[in-house]
Protein backbone atom coordinates (compact mmCIF):
# COMPACT_ATOMS: atom_id res chain seq x y z
CA UNK A 1 0.00 0.00 0.00
CA UNK A 2 2.94 2.35 0.62
CA UNK A 3 3.71 2.28 -3.12
CA UNK A 4 0.27 3.53 -4.14
CA UNK A 5 0.21 7.04 -5.59
CA UNK A 6 -2.96 8.65 -4.31
CA UNK A 7 -2.33 12.14 -5.65
CA UNK A 8 -5.17 13.69 -7.70
CA UNK A 9 -3.69 13.25 -11.18
CA UNK A 10 -5.06 15.07 -14.21
CA UNK A 11 -8.45 13.51 -14.94
CA UNK A 12 -9.84 12.09 -18.16
CA UNK A 13 -8.04 13.00 -21.37
CA UNK A 14 -6.34 16.14 -20.02
CA UNK A 15 -2.89 14.46 -20.10
CA UNK A 16 -3.21 14.42 -23.91
CA UNK A 17 -2.66 18.18 -23.90
CA UNK A 18 0.97 17.71 -22.84
CA UNK A 19 3.84 16.45 -24.97
CA UNK A 20 6.07 15.15 -22.18
CA UNK A 21 3.70 12.88 -20.27
CA UNK A 22 4.93 14.21 -16.92
CA UNK A 23 3.07 12.18 -14.26
CA UNK A 24 3.61 14.79 -11.54
CA UNK A 25 0.93 17.21 -12.73
CA UNK A 26 -2.09 17.18 -10.47
CA UNK A 27 -5.51 18.79 -10.37
CA UNK A 28 -7.67 18.62 -7.27
CA UNK A 29 -10.50 20.82 -8.60
CA UNK A 30 -13.47 18.82 -9.95
CA UNK A 31 -14.28 19.68 -13.55
CA UNK A 32 -17.63 19.89 -15.34
CA UNK A 33 -18.33 17.74 -18.38
CA UNK A 34 -16.14 18.60 -21.34
CA UNK A 35 -13.75 17.29 -23.96
CA UNK A 36 -10.55 18.13 -25.79
CA UNK A 37 -10.59 20.12 -29.04
CA UNK A 38 -8.36 19.06 -31.90
CA UNK A 39 -6.70 21.42 -34.40
CA UNK A 40 -8.49 22.12 -37.65
CA UNK A 41 -7.00 19.89 -40.38
CA UNK A 42 -7.74 22.68 -42.84
CA UNK A 43 -4.64 24.49 -41.58
CA UNK A 44 -1.87 21.97 -42.37
CA UNK A 45 0.84 24.63 -42.21
CA UNK A 46 0.01 25.11 -38.54
CA UNK A 47 -0.41 21.46 -37.61
CA UNK A 48 2.19 20.87 -34.95
CA UNK A 49 1.54 17.53 -33.31
CA UNK A 50 -1.12 14.91 -32.94
CA UNK A 51 -2.15 16.47 -29.64
CA UNK A 52 -5.40 18.31 -28.92
CA UNK A 53 -5.13 22.09 -28.70
CA UNK A 54 -7.14 22.56 -25.49
CA UNK A 55 -10.01 21.27 -23.37
CA UNK A 56 -13.43 22.96 -23.23
CA UNK A 57 -16.46 22.49 -20.99
CA UNK A 58 -19.87 21.62 -22.39
CA UNK A 59 -21.67 24.30 -20.37
CA UNK A 60 -20.92 27.76 -18.95
CA UNK A 61 -19.01 27.93 -15.69
CA UNK A 62 -18.65 30.31 -12.76
CA UNK A 63 -15.85 32.75 -12.16
CA UNK A 64 -15.22 30.99 -8.87
CA UNK A 65 -14.27 27.80 -10.72
CA UNK A 66 -11.93 29.82 -12.95
CA UNK A 67 -10.26 31.27 -9.87
CA UNK A 68 -9.74 27.86 -8.28
CA UNK A 69 -8.19 26.51 -11.48
CA UNK A 70 -5.94 29.54 -11.83
CA UNK A 71 -4.67 28.94 -8.31
CA UNK A 72 -3.74 25.38 -9.30
CA UNK A 73 -1.98 26.35 -12.52
CA UNK A 74 1.43 25.88 -10.95
CA UNK A 75 0.64 22.24 -10.13
CA UNK A 76 -1.56 21.33 -13.07
CA UNK A 77 0.21 23.16 -15.89
CA UNK A 78 -3.23 24.16 -17.19
CA UNK A 79 -4.17 27.81 -17.65
CA UNK A 80 -7.93 28.45 -17.47
CA UNK A 81 -9.81 30.59 -19.98
CA UNK A 82 -13.36 31.86 -20.01
CA UNK A 83 -14.47 31.24 -23.59
CA UNK A 84 -17.21 33.16 -25.35
CA UNK A 85 -18.68 30.87 -28.01
CA UNK A 86 -21.62 33.10 -28.96
CA UNK A 87 -20.16 33.75 -32.43
CA UNK A 88 -18.30 30.50 -33.05
CA UNK A 89 -18.45 27.39 -30.87
CA UNK A 90 -14.99 26.51 -29.56
CA UNK A 91 -15.86 22.85 -29.69
CA UNK A 92 -16.14 23.07 -33.49
CA UNK A 93 -12.38 22.72 -33.68
CA UNK A 94 -11.78 25.67 -36.02
CA UNK A 95 -8.46 26.42 -34.39
CA UNK A 96 -4.94 26.66 -35.77
CA UNK A 97 -2.27 26.32 -33.06
CA UNK A 98 1.20 27.72 -33.56
CA UNK A 99 4.39 26.55 -31.80
CA UNK A 100 4.58 28.24 -28.41
CA UNK A 101 8.36 28.31 -28.84
CA UNK A 102 7.83 30.80 -31.67
CA UNK A 103 6.82 33.45 -29.14
CA UNK A 104 10.46 33.79 -28.06
CA UNK A 105 11.32 35.00 -31.57
CA UNK A 106 9.30 38.20 -31.19
CA UNK A 107 10.06 41.36 -29.23
CA UNK A 108 7.13 43.63 -28.30
CA UNK A 109 9.07 46.74 -29.27
CA UNK A 110 9.83 45.31 -32.71
CA UNK A 111 6.19 44.36 -33.26
CA UNK A 112 4.99 47.79 -32.16
CA UNK A 113 7.54 49.60 -34.32
CA UNK A 114 6.69 47.54 -37.40
CA UNK A 115 2.95 48.15 -37.03
CA UNK A 116 3.52 51.86 -36.50
CA UNK A 117 5.93 52.17 -39.44
CA UNK A 118 3.60 50.38 -41.86
CA UNK A 119 0.72 52.61 -40.79
CA UNK A 120 2.77 55.83 -40.96
CA UNK A 121 3.81 55.18 -44.54
CA UNK A 122 0.24 55.38 -45.80
CA UNK A 123 -1.60 57.40 -43.15
CA UNK A 124 -3.42 60.58 -44.10
CA UNK A 125 -2.87 63.75 -42.07
CA UNK A 126 -6.28 63.35 -40.41
CA UNK A 127 -5.32 59.87 -39.27
CA UNK A 128 -2.05 61.15 -37.84
CA UNK A 129 -3.93 63.64 -35.68
CA UNK A 130 -5.84 60.78 -34.04
CA UNK A 131 -2.55 59.46 -32.63
CA UNK A 132 -1.40 62.78 -31.18
CA UNK A 133 0.98 63.55 -29.61
CA UNK A 134 2.97 60.73 -31.23
CA UNK A 135 1.73 61.00 -34.80
CA UNK A 136 3.97 59.06 -37.17
CA UNK A 137 6.65 58.53 -34.51
CA UNK A 138 6.33 55.26 -32.56
CA UNK A 139 6.91 56.01 -28.84
CA UNK A 140 7.92 52.45 -27.95
CA UNK A 141 6.69 50.44 -24.95
CA UNK A 142 5.57 52.25 -21.82
CA UNK A 143 7.32 51.94 -18.44
CA UNK A 144 6.01 49.37 -16.00
CA UNK A 145 3.14 50.20 -13.69
CA UNK A 146 2.96 49.99 -9.91
CA UNK A 147 1.05 47.01 -8.53
CA UNK A 148 -2.23 47.94 -6.88
CA UNK A 149 -2.95 44.35 -5.79
CA UNK A 150 -1.86 40.78 -6.35
CA UNK A 151 -2.24 39.96 -10.09
CA UNK A 152 -3.93 36.67 -9.31
CA UNK A 153 -6.49 38.30 -7.03
CA UNK A 154 -7.28 40.93 -9.65
CA UNK A 155 -7.68 38.21 -12.28
CA UNK A 156 -10.03 36.25 -10.04
CA UNK A 157 -12.23 39.29 -9.50
CA UNK A 158 -12.41 40.00 -13.20
CA UNK A 159 -13.28 36.38 -13.95
CA UNK A 160 -16.14 36.57 -11.46
CA UNK A 161 -17.36 39.80 -13.03
CA UNK A 162 -17.55 38.50 -16.62
CA UNK A 163 -18.64 34.90 -15.96
CA UNK A 164 -22.37 35.85 -15.82
CA UNK A 165 -22.14 36.32 -19.59
CA UNK A 166 -22.45 32.54 -19.84
CA UNK A 167 -18.86 31.64 -20.73
CA UNK A 168 -17.45 28.16 -21.16
CA UNK A 169 -14.26 26.97 -19.51
CA UNK A 170 -11.12 26.28 -21.47
CA UNK A 171 -7.95 24.64 -20.18
CA UNK A 172 -4.65 25.10 -22.02
CA UNK A 173 -1.29 23.42 -21.39
CA UNK A 174 0.96 26.49 -21.11
CA UNK A 175 3.42 27.91 -18.59
CA UNK A 176 1.84 31.38 -18.66
CA UNK A 177 -1.49 32.79 -19.72
CA UNK A 178 -0.12 34.92 -22.56
CA UNK A 179 0.98 31.76 -24.37
CA UNK A 180 -2.58 30.45 -24.40
CA UNK A 181 -3.43 32.70 -27.36
CA UNK A 182 -0.89 30.85 -29.47
CA UNK A 183 -1.43 27.37 -28.04
CA UNK A 184 -5.20 27.27 -28.62
CA UNK A 185 -4.91 28.50 -32.19
CA UNK A 186 -6.96 31.63 -31.55
CA UNK A 187 -7.47 33.66 -34.72
CA UNK A 188 -9.33 36.65 -33.34
CA UNK A 189 -6.82 39.22 -34.62
CA UNK A 190 -6.33 37.56 -38.01
CA UNK A 191 -7.37 40.70 -39.90
CA UNK A 192 -4.65 42.66 -38.10
CA UNK A 193 -1.83 40.13 -37.90
CA UNK A 194 -1.57 36.75 -39.59
CA UNK A 195 0.24 35.06 -36.71
CA UNK A 196 -0.67 34.89 -33.05
CA UNK A 197 2.79 34.33 -31.58
CA UNK A 198 3.75 38.04 -31.86
CA UNK A 199 0.56 38.97 -30.00
CA UNK A 200 1.42 36.53 -27.23
CA UNK A 201 4.83 38.20 -27.00
CA UNK A 202 3.13 41.56 -26.47
CA UNK A 203 0.85 40.13 -23.79
CA UNK A 204 3.86 38.56 -22.07
CA UNK A 205 5.29 42.06 -21.82
CA UNK A 206 2.06 43.29 -20.25
CA UNK A 207 2.12 40.41 -17.79
CA UNK A 208 5.59 41.49 -16.68
CA UNK A 209 5.06 45.27 -16.65
CA UNK A 210 1.39 45.67 -15.72
CA UNK A 211 0.48 42.47 -13.87
CA UNK A 212 -1.86 41.56 -16.72
CA UNK A 213 -3.46 38.11 -16.87
CA UNK A 214 -5.35 36.49 -19.71
CA UNK A 215 -8.85 35.76 -18.43
CA UNK A 216 -11.09 35.31 -21.46
CA UNK A 217 -11.20 34.82 -25.21
CA UNK A 218 -13.94 35.19 -27.78
CA UNK A 219 -14.09 34.68 -31.54
CA UNK A 220 -12.35 38.06 -31.99
CA UNK A 221 -12.11 39.37 -28.41
CA UNK A 222 -9.58 39.24 -25.59
CA UNK A 223 -10.14 39.96 -21.89
CA UNK A 224 -7.21 40.83 -19.62
CA UNK A 225 -7.10 41.71 -15.95
CA UNK A 226 -4.57 44.39 -14.97
CA UNK A 227 -3.03 44.72 -11.51
CA UNK A 228 -0.66 47.62 -12.29
CA UNK A 229 -2.58 49.94 -14.64
CA UNK A 230 -1.33 53.40 -15.62
CA UNK A 231 -2.68 56.07 -13.29
CA UNK A 232 -1.21 59.27 -14.73
CA UNK A 233 -2.29 60.88 -17.99
CA UNK A 234 1.21 60.64 -19.48
CA UNK A 235 1.65 56.98 -18.60
CA UNK A 236 -1.84 56.09 -19.83
CA UNK A 237 -1.07 57.76 -23.16
CA UNK A 238 2.03 55.63 -23.58
CA UNK A 239 0.10 52.48 -22.74
CA UNK A 240 -2.67 53.54 -25.12
CA UNK A 241 -0.09 53.68 -27.89
CA UNK A 242 0.81 50.06 -27.20
CA UNK A 243 -2.85 49.10 -27.25
CA UNK A 244 -3.32 50.78 -30.61
CA UNK A 245 -0.43 48.86 -32.18
CA UNK A 246 -1.86 45.66 -30.69
CA UNK A 247 -5.46 46.38 -31.72
CA UNK A 248 -5.96 49.44 -33.97
CA UNK A 249 -9.74 49.01 -33.75
CA UNK A 250 -9.73 50.52 -30.24
CA UNK A 251 -10.07 54.00 -31.72
CA UNK A 252 -13.03 53.11 -33.92
CA UNK A 253 -14.84 51.52 -30.99
CA UNK A 254 -14.20 54.34 -28.54
CA UNK A 255 -13.50 58.07 -28.43
CA UNK A 256 -11.70 58.18 -31.78
CA UNK A 257 -8.39 59.55 -30.50
CA UNK A 258 -5.49 58.06 -28.61
CA UNK A 259 -5.78 60.73 -25.92
CA UNK A 260 -9.45 59.96 -25.38
CA UNK A 261 -8.77 56.24 -25.16
CA UNK A 262 -5.93 56.87 -22.71
CA UNK A 263 -8.35 58.55 -20.33
CA UNK A 264 -10.61 55.50 -20.51
CA UNK A 265 -7.88 53.11 -19.33
CA UNK A 266 -6.39 55.26 -16.54
CA UNK A 267 -6.56 53.22 -13.35
CA UNK A 268 -8.69 50.56 -15.03
CA UNK A 269 -8.01 47.00 -13.82
CA UNK A 270 -9.12 45.28 -17.00
CA UNK A 271 -8.40 45.71 -20.69
CA UNK A 272 -10.84 44.48 -23.33
CA UNK A 273 -9.92 44.19 -27.01
CA UNK A 274 -12.09 43.58 -30.04
CA UNK A 275 -10.87 43.15 -33.61
CA UNK A 276 -13.11 43.89 -36.56
C-alpha cells in the first residue's frame, strides 16, 4: 500500500494536452463535463503535433471555478480561460495552433515599431492627428506600472465579473497565460496580424510590466485583468499607444483619439480588445 500514488492526477483526457507525459501534474479541482478540441486539419501549415489544442467544458461555468483553477496552474500546468462561443463554438475545432516556442522569436518593441511604421507610410494627415501627440513617430513600450494588488487576485475578480455572460471553460497546457493565445490557435486578430505568436509576445510584456493576466477569449475578443494599470495621464497615453499597435480598432470603438482612449484606461483593472 505504501507504493500507491494517491495524488489527484489530471483527470480524463487532459494528459493528452501535454507532450512530455509528466506524471507529476495534479488537479484537485473537480471539472464539469467537457472534452478536448483538436486542431483544424484545414490548416496543415500550422499542424504541430497529434495532440489536442485545449479542453473545453460543455456548459458555462462560474468565475469561482476559474479562480480555483488559476490557483492550481502551478501544479496542473493548465491555464484556465473563459471562452465566449456566442459567435463561433470553440468545440467546433476551427483552431490553428502555432508553436509556443515561436513566441520567443518576437520582441514587443519590434512588433509595435513595425505596425507603426507600416501605418505611418500610408496614413493621411487626419489619421495622424488621431494618434497625437505621437503622430507618425512610434513612442515604444511604456514603463512598467505599480502594482495595486496581487495579479492573481485581480484576475479572479475580473473572472467573477464577466462569468455571468455565460462563458465556457477552457484549459490550455501552457506555462503562462499569454501563451494560451498561441497554443489554442486563436485567430481573433487575423485581420490585423496573420500570426498569433507576436501577440502573445506583447501580452507577455504586459504580464511582466502591468500584472496583466489572460482571463477570457472570444471569436475576436480578448479579456485581460490588470493589476498595475497606468494612473497618470502621461503613462496612460504611452500604454494607449501600445494598445493601438496591438489592436488598432480601439479608436473606432471608442472616443476616436489616442488621448481619449488613454483617459478611458487610466486606473482601469481590465483591458478588453475587439478586432473587426
